[in-house]
Amino acid sequence: MLYNKKAVYLGIVILVVLLTAPFWAGLFGQNYTKTGVTKPNEEACIENVEFMRAQHMRLLNEWRDEALRNENRTYIAKDGKKWEISLQNTCMRCHKNYDDFCAKCHLSNSVSPYCWTCHIIPVEGK
């Protein structure tokens, strides 16, 4: 015999709702592919767009390690082109507008990168 049948059923329903909440939030929530990011004027990036969207933070972490720990300041892209390992001198050359590029994408994806604890946030036009 089941005691407190109503409470048990209610508990099961609440558990199912909590366990499936991420699914429902993703199904009816914000579309993360539309960030409103202003694309930079220059088309040439160090790697292709798909790679940069998925792996740019990993690449920046590798750059940090190479530049600071191994004193290597040259990155060789998959196409063989050489780039200076520098967030501000390489990346920010094209992605100048922090608010319209970096901030919008990071905000829409709920991530807080720590780049700006060491680097100065770029200001457009300066």
N, C-alpha and C. Protein backbone atom coordinates (compact mmCIF):
# COMPACT_ATOMS: atom_id res chain seq x y z
N MET A 1 0.84 -1.17 0.00
CA MET A 1 0.00 0.00 0.00
C MET A 1 0.89 1.24 0.00
N LEU A 2 0.53 2.21 -0.81
CA LEU A 2 1.31 3.43 -0.97
C LEU A 2 0.73 4.52 -0.07
N TYR A 3 1.56 5.01 0.86
CA TYR A 3 1.13 6.08 1.74
C TYR A 3 1.46 7.41 1.08
N ASN A 4 0.66 8.41 1.33
CA ASN A 4 0.85 9.76 0.77
C ASN A 4 0.99 9.70 -0.75
N LYS A 5 0.05 9.03 -1.39
CA LYS A 5 0.09 8.83 -2.82
C LYS A 5 0.21 10.16 -3.58
N LYS A 6 -0.54 11.15 -3.17
CA LYS A 6 -0.54 12.45 -3.85
C LYS A 6 0.85 13.11 -3.76
N ALA A 7 1.47 13.04 -2.62
CA ALA A 7 2.79 13.65 -2.44
C ALA A 7 3.84 12.93 -3.27
N VAL A 8 3.76 11.61 -3.35
CA VAL A 8 4.71 10.83 -4.16
C VAL A 8 4.56 11.19 -5.63
N TYR A 9 3.32 11.22 -6.13
CA TYR A 9 3.08 11.57 -7.53
C TYR A 9 3.53 13.00 -7.83
N LEU A 10 3.25 13.91 -6.92
CA LEU A 10 3.68 15.29 -7.10
C LEU A 10 5.21 15.38 -7.13
N GLY A 11 5.86 14.64 -6.26
CA GLY A 11 7.33 14.60 -6.25
C GLY A 11 7.90 14.06 -7.54
N ILE A 12 7.27 13.03 -8.09
CA ILE A 12 7.72 12.46 -9.37
C ILE A 12 7.55 13.47 -10.50
N VAL A 13 6.42 14.16 -10.53
CA VAL A 13 6.18 15.19 -11.56
C VAL A 13 7.21 16.31 -11.45
N ILE A 14 7.48 16.78 -10.23
CA ILE A 14 8.47 17.84 -10.03
C ILE A 14 9.85 17.37 -10.47
N LEU A 15 10.21 16.14 -10.14
CA LEU A 15 11.50 15.60 -10.54
C LEU A 15 11.63 15.53 -12.07
N VAL A 16 10.59 15.07 -12.74
CA VAL A 16 10.61 14.99 -14.20
C VAL A 16 10.74 16.38 -14.82
N VAL A 17 10.02 17.34 -14.28
CA VAL A 17 10.10 18.71 -14.79
C VAL A 17 11.51 19.26 -14.60
N LEU A 18 12.10 19.07 -13.44
CA LEU A 18 13.45 19.57 -13.18
C LEU A 18 14.49 18.90 -14.07
N LEU A 19 14.36 17.60 -14.27
CA LEU A 19 15.33 16.88 -15.10
C LEU A 19 15.22 17.22 -16.58
N THR A 20 14.04 17.60 -17.03
CA THR A 20 13.86 17.93 -18.44
C THR A 20 13.87 19.43 -18.71
N ALA A 21 14.07 20.26 -17.69
CA ALA A 21 14.07 21.72 -17.85
C ALA A 21 15.09 22.20 -18.87
N PRO A 22 16.33 21.71 -18.88
CA PRO A 22 17.28 22.17 -19.89
C PRO A 22 16.81 21.89 -21.33
N PHE A 23 16.16 20.76 -21.52
CA PHE A 23 15.62 20.43 -22.84
C PHE A 23 14.57 21.45 -23.26
N TRP A 24 13.62 21.75 -22.35
CA TRP A 24 12.55 22.70 -22.68
C TRP A 24 13.10 24.10 -22.85
N ALA A 25 14.09 24.48 -22.06
CA ALA A 25 14.69 25.81 -22.20
C ALA A 25 15.38 25.94 -23.55
N GLY A 26 16.05 24.88 -24.00
CA GLY A 26 16.70 24.91 -25.30
C GLY A 26 15.73 24.92 -26.44
N LEU A 27 14.61 24.24 -26.25
CA LEU A 27 13.61 24.15 -27.31
C LEU A 27 12.86 25.46 -27.50
N PHE A 28 12.54 26.12 -26.41
CA PHE A 28 11.74 27.34 -26.49
C PHE A 28 12.52 28.59 -26.10
N GLY A 29 13.78 28.45 -25.80
CA GLY A 29 14.58 29.58 -25.33
C GLY A 29 15.18 30.40 -26.44
N GLN A 30 16.22 31.11 -26.11
CA GLN A 30 16.91 32.02 -27.02
C GLN A 30 17.63 31.26 -28.12
N ASN A 31 17.64 31.86 -29.31
CA ASN A 31 18.37 31.29 -30.43
C ASN A 31 19.80 31.80 -30.36
N TYR A 32 20.74 30.94 -29.98
CA TYR A 32 22.12 31.35 -29.78
C TYR A 32 22.91 31.50 -31.06
N THR A 33 22.33 31.14 -32.20
CA THR A 33 23.04 31.33 -33.46
C THR A 33 22.89 32.75 -33.96
N LYS A 34 21.95 33.48 -33.41
CA LYS A 34 21.73 34.88 -33.80
C LYS A 34 22.17 35.78 -32.65
N THR A 35 23.40 36.25 -32.72
CA THR A 35 23.96 37.03 -31.62
C THR A 35 23.88 38.53 -31.86
N GLY A 36 23.66 38.95 -33.10
CA GLY A 36 23.66 40.37 -33.42
C GLY A 36 25.07 40.94 -33.53
N VAL A 37 26.04 40.07 -33.70
CA VAL A 37 27.44 40.48 -33.77
C VAL A 37 27.69 41.22 -35.08
N THR A 38 28.40 42.34 -34.99
CA THR A 38 28.83 43.07 -36.17
C THR A 38 30.12 42.44 -36.66
N LYS A 39 30.08 41.90 -37.87
CA LYS A 39 31.26 41.23 -38.41
C LYS A 39 32.32 42.27 -38.80
N PRO A 40 33.58 41.92 -38.66
CA PRO A 40 34.65 42.86 -39.01
C PRO A 40 34.71 43.08 -40.52
N ASN A 41 35.30 44.21 -40.92
CA ASN A 41 35.41 44.54 -42.33
C ASN A 41 36.33 43.60 -43.08
N GLU A 42 37.41 43.23 -42.46
CA GLU A 42 38.40 42.39 -43.12
C GLU A 42 37.96 40.93 -43.11
N GLU A 43 38.05 40.28 -44.26
CA GLU A 43 37.57 38.91 -44.38
C GLU A 43 38.61 37.88 -43.95
N ALA A 44 39.88 38.22 -44.02
CA ALA A 44 40.93 37.25 -43.71
C ALA A 44 41.12 37.14 -42.21
N CYS A 45 40.85 35.93 -41.70
CA CYS A 45 41.11 35.65 -40.30
C CYS A 45 42.22 34.60 -40.26
N ILE A 46 42.75 34.37 -39.09
CA ILE A 46 43.88 33.44 -39.02
C ILE A 46 43.49 32.01 -39.37
N GLU A 47 42.22 31.65 -39.12
CA GLU A 47 41.70 30.33 -39.50
C GLU A 47 40.29 30.54 -40.06
N ASN A 48 39.66 29.48 -40.55
CA ASN A 48 38.33 29.64 -41.14
C ASN A 48 37.28 29.95 -40.07
N VAL A 49 36.14 30.43 -40.52
CA VAL A 49 35.09 30.90 -39.62
C VAL A 49 34.60 29.80 -38.68
N GLU A 50 34.37 28.60 -39.20
CA GLU A 50 33.87 27.51 -38.37
C GLU A 50 34.86 27.19 -37.24
N PHE A 51 36.13 27.14 -37.58
CA PHE A 51 37.16 26.87 -36.58
C PHE A 51 37.17 27.96 -35.52
N MET A 52 37.12 29.21 -35.95
CA MET A 52 37.21 30.32 -35.01
C MET A 52 35.99 30.37 -34.09
N ARG A 53 34.80 30.09 -34.62
CA ARG A 53 33.61 30.08 -33.77
C ARG A 53 33.69 29.01 -32.69
N ALA A 54 34.18 27.86 -33.06
CA ALA A 54 34.20 26.73 -32.13
C ALA A 54 35.44 26.70 -31.24
N GLN A 55 36.58 27.16 -31.74
CA GLN A 55 37.85 26.92 -31.06
C GLN A 55 38.65 28.17 -30.69
N HIS A 56 38.07 29.37 -30.82
CA HIS A 56 38.90 30.55 -30.60
C HIS A 56 39.44 30.65 -29.18
N MET A 57 38.67 30.21 -28.19
CA MET A 57 39.16 30.31 -26.81
C MET A 57 40.29 29.31 -26.57
N ARG A 58 40.17 28.12 -27.13
CA ARG A 58 41.25 27.14 -27.03
C ARG A 58 42.50 27.68 -27.71
N LEU A 59 42.32 28.29 -28.88
CA LEU A 59 43.45 28.86 -29.61
C LEU A 59 44.11 29.98 -28.80
N LEU A 60 43.30 30.84 -28.19
CA LEU A 60 43.88 31.93 -27.39
C LEU A 60 44.62 31.39 -26.16
N ASN A 61 44.11 30.34 -25.56
CA ASN A 61 44.83 29.72 -24.44
C ASN A 61 46.16 29.12 -24.89
N GLU A 62 46.15 28.48 -26.06
CA GLU A 62 47.40 27.94 -26.60
C GLU A 62 48.38 29.07 -26.92
N TRP A 63 47.86 30.16 -27.47
CA TRP A 63 48.71 31.32 -27.77
C TRP A 63 49.35 31.86 -26.50
N ARG A 64 48.54 31.98 -25.46
CA ARG A 64 49.06 32.49 -24.18
C ARG A 64 50.21 31.62 -23.70
N ASP A 65 50.00 30.30 -23.74
CA ASP A 65 51.04 29.38 -23.28
C ASP A 65 52.29 29.47 -24.15
N GLU A 66 52.11 29.52 -25.46
CA GLU A 66 53.25 29.60 -26.38
C GLU A 66 54.04 30.90 -26.17
N ALA A 67 53.32 32.01 -26.07
CA ALA A 67 54.00 33.31 -25.96
C ALA A 67 54.67 33.50 -24.60
N LEU A 68 53.98 33.16 -23.53
CA LEU A 68 54.50 33.44 -22.20
C LEU A 68 55.40 32.35 -21.64
N ARG A 69 55.09 31.11 -21.94
CA ARG A 69 55.87 30.01 -21.36
C ARG A 69 56.98 29.52 -22.27
N ASN A 70 56.72 29.55 -23.58
CA ASN A 70 57.70 29.02 -24.53
C ASN A 70 58.40 30.10 -25.35
N GLU A 71 58.03 31.35 -25.13
CA GLU A 71 58.60 32.50 -25.83
C GLU A 71 58.50 32.38 -27.35
N ASN A 72 57.45 31.71 -27.81
CA ASN A 72 57.17 31.58 -29.24
C ASN A 72 56.09 32.58 -29.60
N ARG A 73 56.37 33.53 -30.45
CA ARG A 73 55.41 34.56 -30.81
C ARG A 73 54.94 34.45 -32.26
N THR A 74 55.08 33.27 -32.85
CA THR A 74 54.63 33.06 -34.23
C THR A 74 53.67 31.88 -34.28
N TYR A 75 52.53 32.11 -34.91
CA TYR A 75 51.53 31.06 -35.11
C TYR A 75 51.49 30.75 -36.60
N ILE A 76 51.54 29.48 -36.94
CA ILE A 76 51.44 29.07 -38.33
C ILE A 76 50.06 28.46 -38.52
N ALA A 77 49.25 29.13 -39.34
CA ALA A 77 47.87 28.70 -39.59
C ALA A 77 47.85 27.43 -40.44
N LYS A 78 46.68 26.84 -40.56
CA LYS A 78 46.53 25.62 -41.35
C LYS A 78 46.89 25.83 -42.82
N ASP A 79 46.71 27.09 -43.30
CA ASP A 79 47.05 27.37 -44.70
C ASP A 79 48.53 27.72 -44.88
N GLY A 80 49.30 27.67 -43.79
CA GLY A 80 50.73 27.93 -43.86
C GLY A 80 51.14 29.37 -43.60
N LYS A 81 50.18 30.27 -43.50
CA LYS A 81 50.48 31.68 -43.27
C LYS A 81 50.92 31.88 -41.82
N LYS A 82 51.90 32.76 -41.63
CA LYS A 82 52.42 33.05 -40.29
C LYS A 82 51.73 34.29 -39.72
N TRP A 83 51.39 34.21 -38.44
CA TRP A 83 50.74 35.31 -37.73
C TRP A 83 51.48 35.57 -36.42
N GLU A 84 51.47 36.82 -35.99
CA GLU A 84 52.03 37.17 -34.69
C GLU A 84 51.06 36.70 -33.60
N ILE A 85 51.56 36.03 -32.60
CA ILE A 85 50.72 35.60 -31.48
C ILE A 85 50.50 36.81 -30.59
N SER A 86 49.34 37.45 -30.78
CA SER A 86 49.02 38.65 -30.03
C SER A 86 47.52 38.92 -30.12
N LEU A 87 46.85 38.95 -28.98
CA LEU A 87 45.43 39.26 -28.96
C LEU A 87 45.19 40.67 -29.49
N GLN A 88 45.97 41.62 -29.00
CA GLN A 88 45.71 43.00 -29.37
C GLN A 88 46.26 43.38 -30.74
N ASN A 89 47.40 42.84 -31.13
CA ASN A 89 47.98 43.23 -32.41
C ASN A 89 47.51 42.38 -33.59
N THR A 90 46.99 41.21 -33.35
CA THR A 90 46.50 40.36 -34.43
C THR A 90 44.98 40.33 -34.45
N CYS A 91 44.39 39.85 -33.39
CA CYS A 91 42.93 39.70 -33.36
C CYS A 91 42.21 41.04 -33.39
N MET A 92 42.65 41.95 -32.53
CA MET A 92 41.94 43.22 -32.39
C MET A 92 42.21 44.17 -33.55
N ARG A 93 43.09 43.79 -34.45
CA ARG A 93 43.31 44.60 -35.66
C ARG A 93 42.03 44.61 -36.50
N CYS A 94 41.35 43.47 -36.58
CA CYS A 94 40.11 43.37 -37.36
C CYS A 94 38.87 43.50 -36.46
N HIS A 95 38.94 42.92 -35.29
CA HIS A 95 37.80 42.92 -34.37
C HIS A 95 37.96 44.09 -33.41
N LYS A 96 37.90 45.30 -33.95
CA LYS A 96 38.20 46.51 -33.17
C LYS A 96 37.09 46.89 -32.21
N ASN A 97 35.85 46.66 -32.59
CA ASN A 97 34.73 47.12 -31.78
C ASN A 97 34.34 46.06 -30.76
N TYR A 98 34.85 46.19 -29.57
CA TYR A 98 34.60 45.22 -28.50
C TYR A 98 33.11 45.06 -28.22
N ASP A 99 32.39 46.17 -28.12
CA ASP A 99 30.96 46.10 -27.77
C ASP A 99 30.13 45.41 -28.83
N ASP A 100 30.43 45.63 -30.11
CA ASP A 100 29.64 45.04 -31.19
C ASP A 100 30.11 43.66 -31.61
N PHE A 101 31.29 43.24 -31.16
CA PHE A 101 31.76 41.93 -31.58
C PHE A 101 31.89 41.00 -30.37
N CYS A 102 32.90 41.20 -29.57
CA CYS A 102 33.19 40.29 -28.45
C CYS A 102 32.04 40.27 -27.43
N ALA A 103 31.66 41.44 -26.95
CA ALA A 103 30.70 41.52 -25.85
C ALA A 103 29.35 40.92 -26.23
N LYS A 104 28.85 41.21 -27.43
CA LYS A 104 27.54 40.68 -27.83
C LYS A 104 27.55 39.16 -27.88
N CYS A 105 28.57 38.59 -28.46
CA CYS A 105 28.62 37.14 -28.59
C CYS A 105 28.79 36.46 -27.23
N HIS A 106 29.68 36.97 -26.40
CA HIS A 106 29.89 36.39 -25.08
C HIS A 106 28.65 36.53 -24.21
N LEU A 107 27.98 37.68 -24.29
CA LEU A 107 26.77 37.91 -23.50
C LEU A 107 25.65 36.97 -23.95
N SER A 108 25.46 36.82 -25.25
CA SER A 108 24.38 35.96 -25.74
C SER A 108 24.64 34.49 -25.42
N ASN A 109 25.88 34.11 -25.23
CA ASN A 109 26.22 32.72 -24.91
C ASN A 109 26.53 32.52 -23.43
N SER A 110 26.34 33.56 -22.63
CA SER A 110 26.52 33.50 -21.17
C SER A 110 27.90 33.01 -20.77
N VAL A 111 28.92 33.58 -21.39
CA VAL A 111 30.29 33.26 -21.00
C VAL A 111 31.01 34.53 -20.57
N SER A 112 31.91 34.38 -19.64
CA SER A 112 32.68 35.52 -19.14
C SER A 112 34.17 35.21 -19.30
N PRO A 113 34.74 35.58 -20.44
CA PRO A 113 36.16 35.30 -20.64
C PRO A 113 37.01 36.17 -19.72
N TYR A 114 38.18 35.69 -19.41
CA TYR A 114 39.06 36.41 -18.50
C TYR A 114 40.17 37.14 -19.24
N CYS A 115 40.03 37.32 -20.54
CA CYS A 115 41.06 37.99 -21.34
C CYS A 115 41.37 39.39 -20.79
N TRP A 116 40.31 40.05 -20.36
CA TRP A 116 40.43 41.47 -20.02
C TRP A 116 40.93 41.68 -18.59
N THR A 117 41.31 40.62 -17.90
CA THR A 117 41.96 40.81 -16.62
C THR A 117 43.41 41.26 -16.84
N CYS A 118 43.98 40.89 -18.00
CA CYS A 118 45.34 41.31 -18.33
C CYS A 118 45.37 42.33 -19.48
N HIS A 119 44.49 42.15 -20.44
CA HIS A 119 44.48 43.02 -21.62
C HIS A 119 43.53 44.19 -21.43
N ILE A 120 43.79 45.26 -22.15
CA ILE A 120 42.95 46.45 -22.10
C ILE A 120 41.82 46.27 -23.11
N ILE A 121 40.57 46.51 -22.68
CA ILE A 121 39.43 46.39 -23.59
C ILE A 121 39.58 47.47 -24.66
N PRO A 122 39.53 47.07 -25.94
CA PRO A 122 39.71 48.04 -27.02
C PRO A 122 38.54 49.02 -27.09
N VAL A 123 38.87 50.26 -27.44
CA VAL A 123 37.86 51.29 -27.61
C VAL A 123 37.87 51.68 -29.08
N GLU A 124 36.71 51.65 -29.72
CA GLU A 124 36.59 51.94 -31.15
C GLU A 124 37.13 53.33 -31.47
N GLY A 125 37.93 53.40 -32.52
CA GLY A 125 38.42 54.68 -33.00
C GLY A 125 39.69 55.15 -32.32
N LYS A 126 40.26 54.38 -31.42
CA LYS A 126 41.48 54.79 -30.74
C LYS A 126 42.62 53.88 -31.09
